[in-house]
N, C-alpha and C. Protein backbone atom coordinates (compact mmCIF):
# COMPACT_ATOMS: atom_id res chain seq x y z
N UNK A 1 7.55 -6.24 24.55
CA UNK A 1 7.83 -6.10 23.12
C UNK A 1 8.09 -7.47 22.53
N UNK A 2 7.49 -7.70 21.38
CA UNK A 2 7.67 -8.98 20.69
C UNK A 2 8.99 -8.96 19.93
N UNK A 3 9.75 -10.01 20.07
CA UNK A 3 11.01 -10.13 19.35
C UNK A 3 10.83 -11.09 18.18
N UNK A 4 11.46 -10.76 17.09
CA UNK A 4 11.38 -11.64 15.94
C UNK A 4 12.75 -11.71 15.28
N UNK A 5 12.96 -12.76 14.55
CA UNK A 5 14.23 -12.94 13.86
C UNK A 5 13.95 -13.00 12.37
N UNK A 6 14.64 -12.16 11.62
CA UNK A 6 14.47 -12.15 10.18
C UNK A 6 15.26 -13.29 9.55
N UNK A 7 14.70 -13.86 8.53
CA UNK A 7 15.38 -14.92 7.80
C UNK A 7 16.44 -14.28 6.91
N UNK A 8 17.68 -14.72 6.99
CA UNK A 8 18.73 -14.09 6.19
C UNK A 8 18.52 -14.37 4.69
N UNK A 9 18.70 -13.33 3.90
CA UNK A 9 18.61 -13.48 2.45
C UNK A 9 19.89 -14.14 1.94
N UNK A 10 19.74 -15.06 1.04
CA UNK A 10 20.91 -15.79 0.53
C UNK A 10 21.77 -14.97 -0.42
N UNK A 11 21.16 -13.94 -1.04
CA UNK A 11 21.90 -13.16 -2.02
C UNK A 11 22.35 -11.80 -1.48
N UNK A 12 22.36 -11.65 -0.15
CA UNK A 12 22.73 -10.38 0.46
C UNK A 12 23.96 -10.57 1.34
N UNK A 13 24.92 -9.67 1.18
CA UNK A 13 26.12 -9.74 2.02
C UNK A 13 25.70 -9.59 3.48
N UNK A 14 26.41 -10.26 4.36
CA UNK A 14 26.05 -10.24 5.78
C UNK A 14 26.09 -8.82 6.35
N UNK A 15 27.01 -7.99 5.91
CA UNK A 15 27.08 -6.62 6.42
C UNK A 15 25.85 -5.81 6.00
N UNK A 16 25.38 -6.03 4.77
CA UNK A 16 24.18 -5.34 4.30
C UNK A 16 22.95 -5.86 5.03
N UNK A 17 22.88 -7.16 5.25
CA UNK A 17 21.75 -7.75 5.97
C UNK A 17 21.71 -7.23 7.40
N UNK A 18 22.86 -7.10 8.04
CA UNK A 18 22.91 -6.60 9.41
C UNK A 18 22.42 -5.15 9.48
N UNK A 19 22.82 -4.33 8.51
CA UNK A 19 22.37 -2.95 8.45
C UNK A 19 20.86 -2.89 8.27
N UNK A 20 20.35 -3.70 7.36
CA UNK A 20 18.91 -3.75 7.12
C UNK A 20 18.15 -4.19 8.38
N UNK A 21 18.66 -5.21 9.05
CA UNK A 21 18.03 -5.69 10.28
C UNK A 21 17.99 -4.59 11.35
N UNK A 22 19.08 -3.85 11.48
CA UNK A 22 19.14 -2.76 12.46
C UNK A 22 18.10 -1.69 12.15
N UNK A 23 17.93 -1.38 10.88
CA UNK A 23 16.93 -0.38 10.48
C UNK A 23 15.53 -0.90 10.78
N UNK A 24 15.26 -2.16 10.43
CA UNK A 24 13.93 -2.72 10.68
C UNK A 24 13.60 -2.79 12.16
N UNK A 25 14.56 -3.02 13.00
CA UNK A 25 14.32 -3.09 14.44
C UNK A 25 13.88 -1.74 15.02
N UNK A 26 14.22 -0.66 14.33
CA UNK A 26 13.86 0.68 14.80
C UNK A 26 12.43 1.05 14.41
N UNK A 27 11.79 0.29 13.55
CA UNK A 27 10.43 0.59 13.11
C UNK A 27 9.45 0.37 14.25
N UNK A 28 8.46 1.22 14.30
CA UNK A 28 7.38 1.04 15.27
C UNK A 28 6.45 -0.05 14.76
N UNK A 29 5.60 -0.60 15.63
CA UNK A 29 4.62 -1.58 15.17
C UNK A 29 3.74 -1.02 14.04
N UNK A 30 3.39 0.25 14.13
CA UNK A 30 2.57 0.87 13.08
C UNK A 30 3.33 0.90 11.75
N UNK A 31 4.63 1.19 11.81
CA UNK A 31 5.45 1.19 10.59
C UNK A 31 5.52 -0.21 9.99
N UNK A 32 5.67 -1.21 10.84
CA UNK A 32 5.73 -2.59 10.34
C UNK A 32 4.41 -2.99 9.69
N UNK A 33 3.31 -2.62 10.31
CA UNK A 33 2.00 -2.93 9.75
C UNK A 33 1.81 -2.23 8.40
N UNK A 34 2.18 -0.94 8.34
CA UNK A 34 2.07 -0.19 7.09
C UNK A 34 2.88 -0.85 5.99
N UNK A 35 4.11 -1.26 6.30
CA UNK A 35 4.96 -1.92 5.31
C UNK A 35 4.34 -3.24 4.85
N UNK A 36 3.79 -4.00 5.78
CA UNK A 36 3.17 -5.28 5.42
C UNK A 36 1.98 -5.06 4.49
N UNK A 37 1.17 -4.06 4.78
CA UNK A 37 0.02 -3.75 3.92
C UNK A 37 0.50 -3.31 2.54
N UNK A 38 1.50 -2.45 2.50
CA UNK A 38 2.02 -1.99 1.21
C UNK A 38 2.59 -3.14 0.39
N UNK A 39 3.31 -4.05 1.03
CA UNK A 39 3.87 -5.20 0.31
C UNK A 39 2.76 -6.11 -0.21
N UNK A 40 1.72 -6.28 0.59
CA UNK A 40 0.59 -7.10 0.18
C UNK A 40 -0.12 -6.48 -1.03
N UNK A 41 -0.35 -5.18 -0.97
CA UNK A 41 -1.00 -4.49 -2.09
C UNK A 41 -0.14 -4.57 -3.36
N UNK A 42 1.17 -4.45 -3.20
CA UNK A 42 2.07 -4.54 -4.34
C UNK A 42 2.03 -5.94 -4.95
N UNK A 43 2.05 -6.96 -4.11
CA UNK A 43 2.00 -8.34 -4.61
C UNK A 43 0.69 -8.60 -5.35
N UNK A 44 -0.40 -8.08 -4.82
CA UNK A 44 -1.69 -8.24 -5.51
C UNK A 44 -1.70 -7.51 -6.84
N UNK A 45 -1.11 -6.33 -6.90
CA UNK A 45 -1.09 -5.59 -8.16
C UNK A 45 -0.24 -6.32 -9.20
N UNK A 46 0.85 -6.94 -8.77
CA UNK A 46 1.65 -7.74 -9.71
C UNK A 46 0.87 -8.94 -10.20
N UNK A 47 0.18 -9.59 -9.30
CA UNK A 47 -0.62 -10.75 -9.66
C UNK A 47 -1.72 -10.37 -10.65
N UNK A 48 -2.38 -9.26 -10.38
CA UNK A 48 -3.46 -8.79 -11.26
C UNK A 48 -2.91 -8.41 -12.63
N UNK A 49 -1.77 -7.77 -12.67
CA UNK A 49 -1.14 -7.41 -13.94
C UNK A 49 -0.77 -8.65 -14.74
N UNK A 50 -0.30 -9.68 -14.04
CA UNK A 50 0.03 -10.94 -14.72
C UNK A 50 -1.21 -11.58 -15.31
N UNK A 51 -2.28 -11.60 -14.55
CA UNK A 51 -3.55 -12.13 -15.06
C UNK A 51 -4.02 -11.34 -16.27
N UNK A 52 -3.94 -10.02 -16.17
CA UNK A 52 -4.38 -9.16 -17.26
C UNK A 52 -3.57 -9.41 -18.53
N UNK A 53 -2.26 -9.64 -18.38
CA UNK A 53 -1.43 -9.89 -19.57
C UNK A 53 -1.69 -11.26 -20.18
N UNK A 54 -2.06 -12.24 -19.34
CA UNK A 54 -2.34 -13.58 -19.85
C UNK A 54 -3.76 -13.71 -20.39
N UNK A 55 -4.67 -12.89 -19.88
CA UNK A 55 -6.07 -12.98 -20.28
C UNK A 55 -6.62 -11.57 -20.54
N UNK A 56 -6.14 -10.90 -21.58
CA UNK A 56 -6.54 -9.51 -21.83
C UNK A 56 -8.02 -9.33 -22.16
N UNK A 57 -8.70 -10.42 -22.50
CA UNK A 57 -10.12 -10.33 -22.86
C UNK A 57 -11.04 -10.19 -21.64
N UNK A 58 -10.53 -10.42 -20.45
CA UNK A 58 -11.36 -10.36 -19.24
C UNK A 58 -11.81 -8.93 -18.94
N UNK A 59 -13.06 -8.81 -18.53
CA UNK A 59 -13.53 -7.52 -18.04
C UNK A 59 -12.93 -7.29 -16.66
N UNK A 60 -13.07 -6.08 -16.15
CA UNK A 60 -12.56 -5.77 -14.80
C UNK A 60 -13.22 -6.66 -13.76
N UNK A 61 -14.52 -6.88 -13.91
CA UNK A 61 -15.25 -7.74 -12.98
C UNK A 61 -14.73 -9.18 -13.04
N UNK A 62 -14.51 -9.70 -14.24
CA UNK A 62 -14.00 -11.06 -14.40
C UNK A 62 -12.57 -11.17 -13.85
N UNK A 63 -11.79 -10.12 -14.06
CA UNK A 63 -10.42 -10.10 -13.55
C UNK A 63 -10.43 -10.15 -12.02
N UNK A 64 -11.32 -9.38 -11.41
CA UNK A 64 -11.43 -9.40 -9.95
C UNK A 64 -11.86 -10.77 -9.44
N UNK A 65 -12.76 -11.42 -10.17
CA UNK A 65 -13.20 -12.77 -9.77
C UNK A 65 -12.04 -13.76 -9.88
N UNK A 66 -11.25 -13.66 -10.92
CA UNK A 66 -10.08 -14.54 -11.06
C UNK A 66 -9.08 -14.30 -9.94
N UNK A 67 -8.95 -13.05 -9.51
CA UNK A 67 -8.07 -12.74 -8.38
C UNK A 67 -8.58 -13.41 -7.11
N UNK A 68 -9.90 -13.39 -6.89
CA UNK A 68 -10.47 -14.08 -5.73
C UNK A 68 -10.16 -15.57 -5.77
N UNK A 69 -10.26 -16.14 -6.95
CA UNK A 69 -9.96 -17.57 -7.10
C UNK A 69 -8.50 -17.83 -6.75
N UNK A 70 -7.60 -17.00 -7.25
CA UNK A 70 -6.18 -17.17 -6.94
C UNK A 70 -5.91 -17.00 -5.45
N UNK A 71 -6.52 -16.00 -4.85
CA UNK A 71 -6.24 -15.70 -3.45
C UNK A 71 -6.89 -16.67 -2.48
N UNK A 72 -8.14 -17.06 -2.78
CA UNK A 72 -8.91 -17.82 -1.80
C UNK A 72 -9.35 -19.20 -2.28
N UNK A 73 -9.16 -19.48 -3.57
CA UNK A 73 -9.44 -20.82 -4.07
C UNK A 73 -10.89 -21.13 -4.34
N UNK A 74 -11.74 -20.14 -4.46
CA UNK A 74 -13.14 -20.41 -4.78
C UNK A 74 -13.73 -19.26 -5.59
N UNK A 75 -14.81 -19.55 -6.26
CA UNK A 75 -15.49 -18.52 -7.03
C UNK A 75 -16.37 -17.68 -6.11
N UNK A 76 -16.39 -16.40 -6.35
CA UNK A 76 -17.24 -15.50 -5.55
C UNK A 76 -18.70 -15.81 -5.83
N UNK A 77 -19.52 -15.62 -4.83
CA UNK A 77 -20.96 -15.84 -5.01
C UNK A 77 -21.48 -14.84 -6.02
N UNK A 78 -22.25 -15.32 -6.96
CA UNK A 78 -22.82 -14.45 -7.99
C UNK A 78 -24.17 -13.95 -7.51
N UNK A 79 -24.45 -12.70 -7.81
CA UNK A 79 -25.75 -12.11 -7.44
C UNK A 79 -26.72 -12.30 -8.56
């Protein structure tokens, strides 16, 4: 089993952080992967919403291209 150490949050009481750590240690690898995917999808949705609010004139296709630029630093190949 792989062991990992969580970075302590600066704004969380140590007792709350310890409780959270104990809960996270009980997660299966599949649960951890699912949580990571969900957090990634949430972060992307926030990023996309921010782009949409700053550039409301973009079409959905243009918005997706701007997301690719933000995520990967290059323009998608055009067909």
